[in-house]
Every structure is written in structure tokens, then in C-alpha cells.
Amino acid sequence: LYAATFIGARRPGDIPTTIENGVFKSIDGGANWTNVTNGIPRIGGNPSAAAVDVLSLAIDPTDLTGQTLYASTNDLVNNVLGSVYKTVDGGANWTVSATGLNNRDVRDLIVDPATGDVYAAVADPLGNGDGGVFVSQDGAATWSSISTGFPAAAIGLKLALDNTGTNLIIQAGTTRGIQTFEVIPDGDIDGA
């Protein structure tokens, strides 16, 4: 079992050093939990601080070992935008996996169980012009926006996938309601 945690009610400059945060793992059905955040940044960049907030976790169902997970992080209290981190060893070590997501705030992650593609619900707080939904088809090494037609004022918050039909359907919960996308096969991921 894995759990993501988020420390609420902090003020700018608060650097908690006596509480653990981030990702927790249980190997005994939830009776005991271990913090597994090696490689995830610390609040305020302080190595003695708790790990930054983890907004979502996604387990890759195509990894039969169950050891590959993705985590979206942020430290908005200290004005640090989020990123995506990946582990291939069950949380023992995390590495940044966010090329193409620069200056974005990743709110949710989900993995397509049919392909292993990773989808991210993304806010665009700096006005890059492409908040909404991003996809990685290479294990989160690189990301591309697939948000053509996504309302500019909408912030992607939560994703759900439906791959029971011919093409994948993405339901994106946003600040402007639910947006529905049909993913048409596109070899170069340019949306055209």
C-alpha cells in the first residue's frame, strides 16, 4: 500500500522539521507505515525539512513487479511549482521525470493500464498557455500537452480513463466542470 500526504495550514516560510510528509508505504496491510521519499525535494530546500507535498500517486499497472510509481509534488506555500517524480524500486528512490512540464502545477496522475502511458492533470499558473492534460508515452521521461480545445480558464484537477472502446476516453475534472477527450492515435503527439 502507498499513501500520499499533504501538510495543510502552513504559512510562507514555515519549514516543518519534526513531521514526515510525502509518500508512505506499508508492507503489512496498513498496520505500519514507512516514509519513502529519498530523492523527493524538501520543503523550502532545507535538507532537514519534511518532503514537499505529494498531491497524487499513480502505480503503473503494466509493471508486474508493482515497483513503478509516479508522484506529483508541490510546495506552493513557498512558491515552488510542482513536478513529477518516478520510482522503479517501490519508493526507495525517486528521480525527477518532468521534461516538458516546466513551470506547471501537476494536480493528478493516472496510468493507462492498456499502454502504460502516463497522463497528468496540469494547472498553468504562469500562463504558458497549455494547462489541462499532458501525456508521457515513455515512462514519464518527456511530456506533451494534449489539451487542444481545453478551456483556457479551466484548471485540471482530477483524471479518469475509459479504455473500453476503440479509443481511450479521458475525463478531466476541472474548475470549469468535466472536460471529455477522445485520444485518437497520433504517433508524434503534436495533437494534429
N, C-alpha and C. Protein backbone atom coordinates (compact mmCIF):
# COMPACT_ATOMS: atom_id res chain seq x y z
N LEU A 1 0.83 -1.18 0.00
CA LEU A 1 0.00 0.00 0.00
C LEU A 1 0.87 1.24 0.00
N TYR A 2 0.39 2.27 -0.67
CA TYR A 2 1.08 3.55 -0.70
C TYR A 2 0.08 4.65 -0.37
N ALA A 3 0.58 5.73 0.25
CA ALA A 3 -0.27 6.89 0.56
C ALA A 3 0.52 8.16 0.31
N ALA A 4 -0.15 9.15 -0.26
CA ALA A 4 0.43 10.48 -0.46
C ALA A 4 -0.07 11.39 0.65
N THR A 5 0.80 12.30 1.12
CA THR A 5 0.39 13.21 2.18
C THR A 5 0.69 14.66 1.79
N PHE A 6 -0.04 15.56 2.44
CA PHE A 6 0.00 16.98 2.16
C PHE A 6 -0.14 17.69 3.49
N ILE A 7 0.84 18.53 3.84
CA ILE A 7 0.76 19.28 5.10
C ILE A 7 -0.03 20.55 4.83
N GLY A 8 -1.17 20.69 5.47
CA GLY A 8 -2.01 21.87 5.27
C GLY A 8 -1.75 22.95 6.30
N ALA A 9 -2.35 24.09 6.09
CA ALA A 9 -2.33 25.21 7.04
C ALA A 9 -0.92 25.70 7.37
N ARG A 10 -0.04 25.68 6.38
CA ARG A 10 1.29 26.26 6.59
C ARG A 10 1.28 27.69 6.10
N ARG A 11 2.17 28.50 6.65
CA ARG A 11 2.35 29.87 6.21
C ARG A 11 3.68 29.95 5.45
N PRO A 12 3.82 30.95 4.57
CA PRO A 12 5.11 31.11 3.88
C PRO A 12 6.26 31.15 4.88
N GLY A 13 7.29 30.41 4.58
CA GLY A 13 8.45 30.36 5.47
C GLY A 13 8.39 29.25 6.49
N ASP A 14 7.22 28.65 6.73
CA ASP A 14 7.13 27.51 7.65
C ASP A 14 7.92 26.35 7.06
N ILE A 15 8.86 25.83 7.82
CA ILE A 15 9.68 24.69 7.38
C ILE A 15 9.56 23.61 8.44
N PRO A 16 8.57 22.70 8.30
CA PRO A 16 8.41 21.66 9.32
C PRO A 16 9.58 20.67 9.30
N THR A 17 10.19 20.49 10.49
CA THR A 17 11.32 19.56 10.60
C THR A 17 11.02 18.40 11.54
N THR A 18 9.84 18.39 12.15
CA THR A 18 9.54 17.34 13.12
C THR A 18 8.43 16.40 12.65
N ILE A 19 7.99 16.55 11.42
CA ILE A 19 6.93 15.70 10.89
C ILE A 19 7.34 15.21 9.51
N GLU A 20 7.01 13.97 9.23
CA GLU A 20 7.32 13.43 7.91
C GLU A 20 6.16 13.71 6.96
N ASN A 21 6.48 13.79 5.68
CA ASN A 21 5.49 14.14 4.67
C ASN A 21 5.90 13.46 3.36
N GLY A 22 4.99 13.43 2.41
CA GLY A 22 5.33 12.95 1.07
C GLY A 22 4.67 11.64 0.71
N VAL A 23 5.45 10.56 0.70
CA VAL A 23 4.95 9.24 0.33
C VAL A 23 5.24 8.27 1.46
N PHE A 24 4.22 7.47 1.78
CA PHE A 24 4.37 6.44 2.81
C PHE A 24 4.02 5.10 2.20
N LYS A 25 4.68 4.04 2.70
CA LYS A 25 4.49 2.69 2.19
C LYS A 25 4.23 1.73 3.35
N SER A 26 3.29 0.82 3.13
CA SER A 26 3.02 -0.23 4.12
C SER A 26 3.17 -1.58 3.44
N ILE A 27 3.87 -2.49 4.10
CA ILE A 27 4.02 -3.84 3.56
C ILE A 27 3.27 -4.86 4.41
N ASP A 28 2.45 -4.35 5.37
CA ASP A 28 1.70 -5.25 6.24
C ASP A 28 0.22 -4.87 6.30
N GLY A 29 -0.32 -4.45 5.16
CA GLY A 29 -1.74 -4.14 5.09
C GLY A 29 -2.17 -2.87 5.80
N GLY A 30 -1.24 -1.98 6.08
CA GLY A 30 -1.56 -0.70 6.70
C GLY A 30 -1.34 -0.66 8.20
N ALA A 31 -0.87 -1.73 8.80
CA ALA A 31 -0.61 -1.71 10.24
C ALA A 31 0.55 -0.78 10.58
N ASN A 32 1.56 -0.74 9.71
CA ASN A 32 2.74 0.11 9.91
C ASN A 32 3.07 0.81 8.60
N TRP A 33 3.57 2.04 8.70
CA TRP A 33 3.88 2.84 7.52
C TRP A 33 5.30 3.37 7.62
N THR A 34 6.00 3.42 6.48
CA THR A 34 7.35 3.94 6.39
C THR A 34 7.37 5.08 5.38
N ASN A 35 8.03 6.18 5.73
CA ASN A 35 8.19 7.29 4.80
C ASN A 35 9.23 6.90 3.75
N VAL A 36 8.85 7.01 2.47
CA VAL A 36 9.74 6.62 1.37
C VAL A 36 9.86 7.80 0.40
N THR A 37 10.71 8.76 0.75
CA THR A 37 10.80 9.99 -0.05
C THR A 37 12.23 10.32 -0.48
N ASN A 38 13.15 9.36 -0.49
CA ASN A 38 14.51 9.63 -0.91
C ASN A 38 14.52 10.11 -2.36
N GLY A 39 14.97 11.35 -2.59
CA GLY A 39 15.01 11.92 -3.92
C GLY A 39 13.92 12.95 -4.17
N ILE A 40 12.88 12.97 -3.33
CA ILE A 40 11.84 13.99 -3.43
C ILE A 40 12.33 15.22 -2.67
N PRO A 41 12.20 16.42 -3.25
CA PRO A 41 12.73 17.62 -2.59
C PRO A 41 12.13 17.87 -1.21
N ARG A 42 12.84 18.64 -0.43
CA ARG A 42 12.42 19.01 0.92
C ARG A 42 11.79 20.40 0.89
N ILE A 43 10.88 20.65 1.81
CA ILE A 43 10.20 21.94 1.89
C ILE A 43 11.23 23.05 2.06
N GLY A 44 11.09 24.08 1.23
CA GLY A 44 11.98 25.23 1.30
C GLY A 44 13.41 24.91 0.92
N GLY A 45 13.68 23.73 0.36
CA GLY A 45 15.05 23.35 0.01
C GLY A 45 15.90 22.98 1.20
N ASN A 46 15.30 22.90 2.39
CA ASN A 46 16.03 22.61 3.62
C ASN A 46 16.17 21.09 3.76
N PRO A 47 17.39 20.54 3.76
CA PRO A 47 17.56 19.09 3.84
C PRO A 47 17.05 18.47 5.14
N SER A 48 16.85 19.28 6.19
CA SER A 48 16.31 18.77 7.45
C SER A 48 14.79 18.79 7.49
N ALA A 49 14.17 19.40 6.49
CA ALA A 49 12.72 19.57 6.48
C ALA A 49 12.02 18.33 5.96
N ALA A 50 10.72 18.33 6.15
CA ALA A 50 9.88 17.27 5.58
C ALA A 50 9.90 17.38 4.07
N ALA A 51 9.54 16.29 3.40
CA ALA A 51 9.42 16.31 1.95
C ALA A 51 8.29 17.25 1.55
N VAL A 52 8.36 17.77 0.32
CA VAL A 52 7.29 18.62 -0.18
C VAL A 52 6.00 17.81 -0.27
N ASP A 53 4.89 18.51 -0.46
CA ASP A 53 3.59 17.87 -0.54
C ASP A 53 3.49 17.00 -1.78
N VAL A 54 2.85 15.85 -1.63
CA VAL A 54 2.57 14.97 -2.76
C VAL A 54 1.06 15.01 -3.00
N LEU A 55 0.69 15.51 -4.17
CA LEU A 55 -0.72 15.68 -4.50
C LEU A 55 -1.35 14.40 -5.00
N SER A 56 -0.58 13.58 -5.71
CA SER A 56 -1.15 12.34 -6.23
C SER A 56 -0.06 11.30 -6.43
N LEU A 57 -0.48 10.05 -6.38
CA LEU A 57 0.37 8.90 -6.68
C LEU A 57 -0.33 8.06 -7.73
N ALA A 58 0.44 7.49 -8.64
CA ALA A 58 -0.11 6.57 -9.63
C ALA A 58 0.82 5.38 -9.73
N ILE A 59 0.26 4.19 -9.54
CA ILE A 59 1.02 2.95 -9.69
C ILE A 59 0.88 2.49 -11.13
N ASP A 60 1.99 2.09 -11.73
CA ASP A 60 1.97 1.62 -13.12
C ASP A 60 1.52 0.17 -13.15
N PRO A 61 0.27 -0.08 -13.60
CA PRO A 61 -0.23 -1.46 -13.62
C PRO A 61 0.42 -2.35 -14.68
N THR A 62 1.20 -1.74 -15.59
CA THR A 62 1.89 -2.56 -16.58
C THR A 62 3.21 -3.11 -16.05
N ASP A 63 3.66 -2.63 -14.88
CA ASP A 63 4.85 -3.16 -14.22
C ASP A 63 4.41 -4.30 -13.31
N LEU A 64 4.65 -5.51 -13.72
CA LEU A 64 4.17 -6.67 -12.98
C LEU A 64 4.81 -6.82 -11.61
N THR A 65 5.93 -6.13 -11.36
CA THR A 65 6.55 -6.18 -10.03
C THR A 65 5.84 -5.24 -9.06
N GLY A 66 5.06 -4.28 -9.58
CA GLY A 66 4.38 -3.32 -8.72
C GLY A 66 5.31 -2.29 -8.10
N GLN A 67 6.50 -2.13 -8.65
CA GLN A 67 7.50 -1.25 -8.06
C GLN A 67 7.57 0.14 -8.71
N THR A 68 6.87 0.34 -9.85
CA THR A 68 6.93 1.62 -10.54
C THR A 68 5.75 2.50 -10.15
N LEU A 69 6.06 3.66 -9.62
CA LEU A 69 5.06 4.64 -9.21
C LEU A 69 5.48 6.02 -9.69
N TYR A 70 4.49 6.89 -9.81
CA TYR A 70 4.71 8.28 -10.17
C TYR A 70 4.07 9.14 -9.08
N ALA A 71 4.72 10.25 -8.73
CA ALA A 71 4.20 11.16 -7.72
C ALA A 71 4.23 12.59 -8.25
N SER A 72 3.14 13.33 -8.04
CA SER A 72 3.15 14.76 -8.36
C SER A 72 3.36 15.52 -7.05
N THR A 73 4.24 16.50 -7.10
CA THR A 73 4.63 17.23 -5.89
C THR A 73 4.46 18.72 -6.08
N ASN A 74 4.37 19.43 -4.96
CA ASN A 74 4.50 20.89 -4.98
C ASN A 74 4.78 21.42 -3.59
N ASP A 75 5.20 22.67 -3.56
CA ASP A 75 5.43 23.41 -2.33
C ASP A 75 4.94 24.84 -2.58
N LEU A 76 3.62 24.96 -2.84
CA LEU A 76 3.07 26.26 -3.23
C LEU A 76 3.15 27.30 -2.13
N VAL A 77 3.21 26.86 -0.87
CA VAL A 77 3.34 27.83 0.22
C VAL A 77 4.63 28.62 0.06
N ASN A 78 5.68 27.97 -0.42
CA ASN A 78 6.96 28.64 -0.65
C ASN A 78 7.17 28.98 -2.12
N ASN A 79 6.07 29.06 -2.89
CA ASN A 79 6.10 29.45 -4.30
C ASN A 79 6.98 28.57 -5.17
N VAL A 80 6.97 27.26 -4.91
CA VAL A 80 7.70 26.32 -5.73
C VAL A 80 6.68 25.47 -6.48
N LEU A 81 6.68 25.58 -7.80
CA LEU A 81 5.72 24.81 -8.59
C LEU A 81 6.06 23.33 -8.53
N GLY A 82 5.08 22.53 -8.84
CA GLY A 82 5.23 21.10 -8.72
C GLY A 82 6.01 20.45 -9.84
N SER A 83 6.17 19.16 -9.68
CA SER A 83 6.88 18.35 -10.65
C SER A 83 6.39 16.92 -10.55
N VAL A 84 6.95 16.06 -11.37
CA VAL A 84 6.64 14.64 -11.32
C VAL A 84 7.92 13.89 -10.99
N TYR A 85 7.78 12.92 -10.08
CA TYR A 85 8.90 12.05 -9.70
C TYR A 85 8.49 10.62 -9.96
N LYS A 86 9.49 9.78 -10.25
CA LYS A 86 9.25 8.37 -10.58
C LYS A 86 10.15 7.50 -9.73
N THR A 87 9.60 6.36 -9.30
CA THR A 87 10.40 5.34 -8.64
C THR A 87 10.18 4.02 -9.37
N VAL A 88 11.23 3.24 -9.47
CA VAL A 88 11.12 1.90 -10.06
C VAL A 88 11.49 0.83 -9.03
N ASP A 89 11.63 1.28 -7.76
CA ASP A 89 12.00 0.35 -6.70
C ASP A 89 11.07 0.48 -5.49
N GLY A 90 9.79 0.70 -5.78
CA GLY A 90 8.79 0.73 -4.72
C GLY A 90 8.91 1.89 -3.76
N GLY A 91 9.50 2.99 -4.20
CA GLY A 91 9.59 4.18 -3.37
C GLY A 91 10.91 4.37 -2.66
N ALA A 92 11.84 3.41 -2.78
CA ALA A 92 13.13 3.56 -2.10
C ALA A 92 13.90 4.76 -2.63
N ASN A 93 13.79 5.01 -3.94
CA ASN A 93 14.49 6.13 -4.58
C ASN A 93 13.58 6.74 -5.63
N TRP A 94 13.55 8.07 -5.67
CA TRP A 94 12.73 8.82 -6.62
C TRP A 94 13.63 9.70 -7.47
N THR A 95 13.29 9.84 -8.76
CA THR A 95 14.00 10.75 -9.65
C THR A 95 12.99 11.64 -10.36
N VAL A 96 13.41 12.88 -10.65
CA VAL A 96 12.54 13.81 -11.34
C VAL A 96 12.28 13.28 -12.76
N SER A 97 11.05 13.37 -13.20
CA SER A 97 10.62 12.89 -14.51
C SER A 97 9.65 13.90 -15.10
N ALA A 98 10.16 15.07 -15.46
CA ALA A 98 9.25 16.18 -15.78
C ALA A 98 9.63 16.99 -17.01
N THR A 99 10.44 16.47 -17.90
CA THR A 99 10.78 17.23 -19.09
C THR A 99 9.52 17.52 -19.90
N GLY A 100 9.25 18.80 -20.13
CA GLY A 100 8.04 19.22 -20.82
C GLY A 100 6.97 19.75 -19.87
N LEU A 101 7.18 19.61 -18.57
CA LEU A 101 6.21 20.11 -17.58
C LEU A 101 6.73 21.33 -16.84
N ASN A 102 7.77 21.96 -17.35
CA ASN A 102 8.37 23.11 -16.67
C ASN A 102 7.33 24.18 -16.36
N ASN A 103 7.41 24.72 -15.16
CA ASN A 103 6.54 25.81 -14.71
C ASN A 103 5.06 25.45 -14.77
N ARG A 104 4.75 24.21 -14.48
CA ARG A 104 3.36 23.76 -14.41
C ARG A 104 3.12 23.20 -13.00
N ASP A 105 1.87 23.08 -12.65
CA ASP A 105 1.48 22.53 -11.36
C ASP A 105 0.67 21.26 -11.64
N VAL A 106 1.26 20.10 -11.40
CA VAL A 106 0.62 18.82 -11.70
C VAL A 106 -0.27 18.42 -10.54
N ARG A 107 -1.57 18.32 -10.80
CA ARG A 107 -2.55 18.05 -9.76
C ARG A 107 -2.92 16.58 -9.63
N ASP A 108 -2.85 15.82 -10.73
CA ASP A 108 -3.24 14.41 -10.68
C ASP A 108 -2.47 13.64 -11.74
N LEU A 109 -2.23 12.36 -11.46
CA LEU A 109 -1.57 11.45 -12.39
C LEU A 109 -2.39 10.17 -12.48
N ILE A 110 -2.37 9.58 -13.67
CA ILE A 110 -3.04 8.29 -13.86
C ILE A 110 -2.31 7.56 -14.98
N VAL A 111 -2.23 6.23 -14.86
CA VAL A 111 -1.53 5.40 -15.84
C VAL A 111 -2.56 4.56 -16.58
N ASP A 112 -2.48 4.56 -17.91
CA ASP A 112 -3.36 3.73 -18.73
C ASP A 112 -2.92 2.28 -18.57
N PRO A 113 -3.79 1.40 -18.04
CA PRO A 113 -3.39 0.01 -17.82
C PRO A 113 -3.18 -0.77 -19.12
N ALA A 114 -3.68 -0.26 -20.24
CA ALA A 114 -3.50 -0.95 -21.51
C ALA A 114 -2.16 -0.64 -22.15
N THR A 115 -1.65 0.60 -21.98
CA THR A 115 -0.44 1.01 -22.69
C THR A 115 0.72 1.41 -21.78
N GLY A 116 0.42 1.75 -20.53
CA GLY A 116 1.45 2.28 -19.65
C GLY A 116 1.68 3.77 -19.83
N ASP A 117 0.95 4.42 -20.75
CA ASP A 117 1.07 5.87 -20.91
C ASP A 117 0.62 6.54 -19.62
N VAL A 118 1.31 7.63 -19.26
CA VAL A 118 1.02 8.35 -18.03
C VAL A 118 0.36 9.68 -18.41
N TYR A 119 -0.75 9.99 -17.76
CA TYR A 119 -1.48 11.23 -18.02
C TYR A 119 -1.42 12.11 -16.77
N ALA A 120 -1.34 13.43 -16.99
CA ALA A 120 -1.26 14.39 -15.89
C ALA A 120 -2.29 15.48 -16.06
N ALA A 121 -3.03 15.79 -14.99
CA ALA A 121 -3.90 16.96 -14.94
C ALA A 121 -3.03 18.12 -14.48
N VAL A 122 -2.98 19.18 -15.30
CA VAL A 122 -1.99 20.23 -15.09
C VAL A 122 -2.65 21.60 -15.02
N ALA A 123 -2.24 22.38 -14.02
CA ALA A 123 -2.60 23.80 -13.95
C ALA A 123 -1.45 24.60 -14.56
N ASP A 124 -1.77 25.76 -15.09
CA ASP A 124 -0.79 26.60 -15.77
C ASP A 124 -0.72 27.96 -15.08
N PRO A 125 -0.16 28.03 -13.85
CA PRO A 125 -0.21 29.27 -13.09
C PRO A 125 0.62 30.41 -13.67
N LEU A 126 1.57 30.11 -14.56
CA LEU A 126 2.42 31.17 -15.13
C LEU A 126 2.00 31.58 -16.53
N GLY A 127 0.86 31.06 -17.01
CA GLY A 127 0.35 31.49 -18.30
C GLY A 127 1.12 30.98 -19.50
N ASN A 128 1.59 29.73 -19.45
CA ASN A 128 2.29 29.15 -20.60
C ASN A 128 1.33 28.87 -21.76
N GLY A 129 0.03 28.84 -21.46
CA GLY A 129 -0.97 28.64 -22.50
C GLY A 129 -1.36 27.21 -22.74
N ASP A 130 -0.94 26.30 -21.87
CA ASP A 130 -1.26 24.90 -22.13
C ASP A 130 -1.50 24.10 -20.85
N GLY A 131 -2.32 24.63 -19.97
CA GLY A 131 -2.77 23.83 -18.83
C GLY A 131 -3.76 22.80 -19.35
N GLY A 132 -4.13 21.86 -18.54
CA GLY A 132 -5.10 20.86 -18.95
C GLY A 132 -4.58 19.46 -18.77
N VAL A 133 -4.34 18.75 -19.87
CA VAL A 133 -3.91 17.35 -19.80
C VAL A 133 -2.62 17.18 -20.60
N PHE A 134 -1.65 16.53 -19.97
CA PHE A 134 -0.38 16.19 -20.62
C PHE A 134 -0.26 14.67 -20.63
N VAL A 135 0.54 14.14 -21.56
CA VAL A 135 0.77 12.71 -21.64
C VAL A 135 2.27 12.43 -21.78
N SER A 136 2.68 11.32 -21.20
CA SER A 136 4.02 10.78 -21.42
C SER A 136 3.86 9.36 -21.94
N GLN A 137 4.50 9.09 -23.07
CA GLN A 137 4.46 7.75 -23.65
C GLN A 137 5.79 7.03 -23.47
N ASP A 138 6.67 7.59 -22.62
CA ASP A 138 7.98 6.99 -22.42
C ASP A 138 8.34 6.88 -20.94
N GLY A 139 7.35 6.48 -20.14
CA GLY A 139 7.61 6.28 -18.71
C GLY A 139 7.90 7.56 -17.95
N ALA A 140 7.31 8.66 -18.36
CA ALA A 140 7.43 9.98 -17.72
C ALA A 140 8.75 10.67 -17.98
N ALA A 141 9.53 10.19 -18.95
CA ALA A 141 10.78 10.88 -19.29
C ALA A 141 10.48 12.22 -19.95
N THR A 142 9.48 12.26 -20.84
CA THR A 142 9.09 13.50 -21.50
C THR A 142 7.57 13.60 -21.52
N TRP A 143 7.08 14.84 -21.56
CA TRP A 143 5.64 15.12 -21.50
C TRP A 143 5.24 16.05 -22.62
N SER A 144 4.02 15.89 -23.14
CA SER A 144 3.47 16.76 -24.17
C SER A 144 2.02 17.08 -23.83
N SER A 145 1.61 18.31 -24.14
CA SER A 145 0.22 18.71 -23.92
C SER A 145 -0.67 18.07 -24.97
N ILE A 146 -1.82 17.57 -24.54
CA ILE A 146 -2.83 17.07 -25.47
C ILE A 146 -4.14 17.82 -25.20
N SER A 147 -4.01 19.09 -24.86
CA SER A 147 -5.15 19.87 -24.39
C SER A 147 -5.74 20.79 -25.46
N THR A 148 -5.59 20.46 -26.72
CA THR A 148 -6.20 21.27 -27.76
C THR A 148 -7.70 21.35 -27.50
N GLY A 149 -8.22 22.56 -27.41
CA GLY A 149 -9.64 22.75 -27.14
C GLY A 149 -9.99 22.83 -25.67
N PHE A 150 -9.03 22.64 -24.78
CA PHE A 150 -9.27 22.73 -23.34
C PHE A 150 -9.52 24.19 -22.99
N PRO A 151 -10.57 24.51 -22.23
CA PRO A 151 -10.86 25.91 -21.91
C PRO A 151 -9.68 26.58 -21.19
N ALA A 152 -9.30 27.76 -21.65
CA ALA A 152 -8.13 28.45 -21.11
C ALA A 152 -8.23 28.71 -19.61
N ALA A 153 -9.44 28.99 -19.12
CA ALA A 153 -9.61 29.32 -17.70
C ALA A 153 -9.77 28.08 -16.82
N ALA A 154 -9.83 26.89 -17.41
CA ALA A 154 -10.04 25.67 -16.63
C ALA A 154 -8.72 25.17 -16.07
N ILE A 155 -8.76 24.69 -14.85
CA ILE A 155 -7.58 24.09 -14.21
C ILE A 155 -7.86 22.60 -14.06
N GLY A 156 -7.00 21.77 -14.62
CA GLY A 156 -7.15 20.33 -14.50
C GLY A 156 -6.88 19.89 -13.07
N LEU A 157 -7.81 19.14 -12.49
CA LEU A 157 -7.67 18.72 -11.09
C LEU A 157 -7.63 17.21 -10.90
N LYS A 158 -8.39 16.47 -11.69
CA LYS A 158 -8.53 15.03 -11.50
C LYS A 158 -8.79 14.37 -12.85
N LEU A 159 -8.25 13.17 -13.04
CA LEU A 159 -8.40 12.45 -14.30
C LEU A 159 -9.02 11.07 -14.07
N ALA A 160 -9.78 10.63 -15.06
CA ALA A 160 -10.29 9.26 -15.10
C ALA A 160 -10.16 8.78 -16.54
N LEU A 161 -9.84 7.51 -16.73
CA LEU A 161 -9.67 6.94 -18.06
C LEU A 161 -10.72 5.87 -18.31
N ASP A 162 -11.16 5.81 -19.57
CA ASP A 162 -12.07 4.75 -20.01
C ASP A 162 -11.51 4.19 -21.30
N ASN A 163 -10.94 2.99 -21.22
CA ASN A 163 -10.37 2.38 -22.44
C ASN A 163 -11.17 1.14 -22.86
N THR A 164 -12.47 1.18 -22.62
CA THR A 164 -13.32 0.05 -23.01
C THR A 164 -13.75 0.12 -24.47
N GLY A 165 -13.60 1.28 -25.12
CA GLY A 165 -14.00 1.43 -26.51
C GLY A 165 -12.80 1.35 -27.45
N THR A 166 -13.02 1.77 -28.68
CA THR A 166 -11.95 1.74 -29.69
C THR A 166 -10.81 2.66 -29.32
N ASN A 167 -11.13 3.90 -28.87
CA ASN A 167 -10.12 4.87 -28.46
C ASN A 167 -10.28 5.19 -26.99
N LEU A 168 -9.19 5.57 -26.38
CA LEU A 168 -9.20 5.96 -24.97
C LEU A 168 -10.02 7.24 -24.80
N ILE A 169 -10.84 7.27 -23.75
CA ILE A 169 -11.58 8.47 -23.37
C ILE A 169 -11.01 8.97 -22.05
N ILE A 170 -10.67 10.25 -22.01
CA ILE A 170 -10.17 10.89 -20.79
C ILE A 170 -11.25 11.82 -20.27
N GLN A 171 -11.59 11.66 -19.01
CA GLN A 171 -12.48 12.59 -18.31
C GLN A 171 -11.59 13.43 -17.40
N ALA A 172 -11.60 14.73 -17.61
CA ALA A 172 -10.79 15.63 -16.79
C ALA A 172 -11.71 16.50 -15.95
N GLY A 173 -11.64 16.30 -14.63
CA GLY A 173 -12.37 17.18 -13.72
C GLY A 173 -11.60 18.48 -13.61
N THR A 174 -12.29 19.60 -13.81
CA THR A 174 -11.64 20.91 -13.81
C THR A 174 -12.42 21.90 -12.96
N THR A 175 -11.86 23.08 -12.84
CA THR A 175 -12.55 24.16 -12.15
C THR A 175 -13.72 24.69 -12.97
N ARG A 176 -13.88 24.22 -14.20
CA ARG A 176 -14.97 24.64 -15.09
C ARG A 176 -15.85 23.46 -15.49
N GLY A 177 -15.87 22.41 -14.68
CA GLY A 177 -16.68 21.23 -14.98
C GLY A 177 -15.83 20.11 -15.53
N ILE A 178 -16.51 19.14 -16.13
CA ILE A 178 -15.80 17.96 -16.66
C ILE A 178 -15.56 18.16 -18.15
N GLN A 179 -14.32 17.95 -18.55
CA GLN A 179 -13.94 18.01 -19.96
C GLN A 179 -13.69 16.57 -20.43
N THR A 180 -14.19 16.23 -21.61
CA THR A 180 -14.03 14.89 -22.14
C THR A 180 -13.17 14.94 -23.41
N PHE A 181 -12.18 14.06 -23.47
CA PHE A 181 -11.29 13.96 -24.62
C PHE A 181 -11.33 12.55 -25.15
N GLU A 182 -11.34 12.40 -26.45
CA GLU A 182 -11.12 11.10 -27.07
C GLU A 182 -9.70 11.13 -27.62
N VAL A 183 -8.89 10.17 -27.22
CA VAL A 183 -7.50 10.11 -27.66
C VAL A 183 -7.45 9.35 -28.98
N ILE A 184 -7.19 10.08 -30.05
CA ILE A 184 -7.04 9.50 -31.37
C ILE A 184 -5.56 9.19 -31.55
N PRO A 185 -5.20 7.98 -32.02
CA PRO A 185 -3.79 7.66 -32.19
C PRO A 185 -3.06 8.74 -33.01
N ASP A 186 -1.93 9.22 -32.45
CA ASP A 186 -1.15 10.29 -33.06
C ASP A 186 0.32 10.01 -32.75
N GLY A 187 1.01 9.43 -33.69
CA GLY A 187 2.38 8.96 -33.47
C GLY A 187 3.36 10.01 -33.00
N ASP A 188 3.17 11.29 -33.37
CA ASP A 188 4.14 12.30 -32.96
C ASP A 188 3.65 13.19 -31.82
N ILE A 189 2.50 12.91 -31.27
CA ILE A 189 1.92 13.60 -30.12
C ILE A 189 1.87 15.12 -30.30
N ASP A 190 1.62 15.57 -31.51
CA ASP A 190 1.52 17.01 -31.71
C ASP A 190 0.08 17.50 -31.74
N GLY A 191 -0.87 16.59 -31.55
CA GLY A 191 -2.27 16.96 -31.50
C GLY A 191 -2.92 17.17 -32.85
N ALA A 192 -2.16 17.02 -33.92
CA ALA A 192 -2.73 17.21 -35.26
C ALA A 192 -2.88 15.88 -35.99
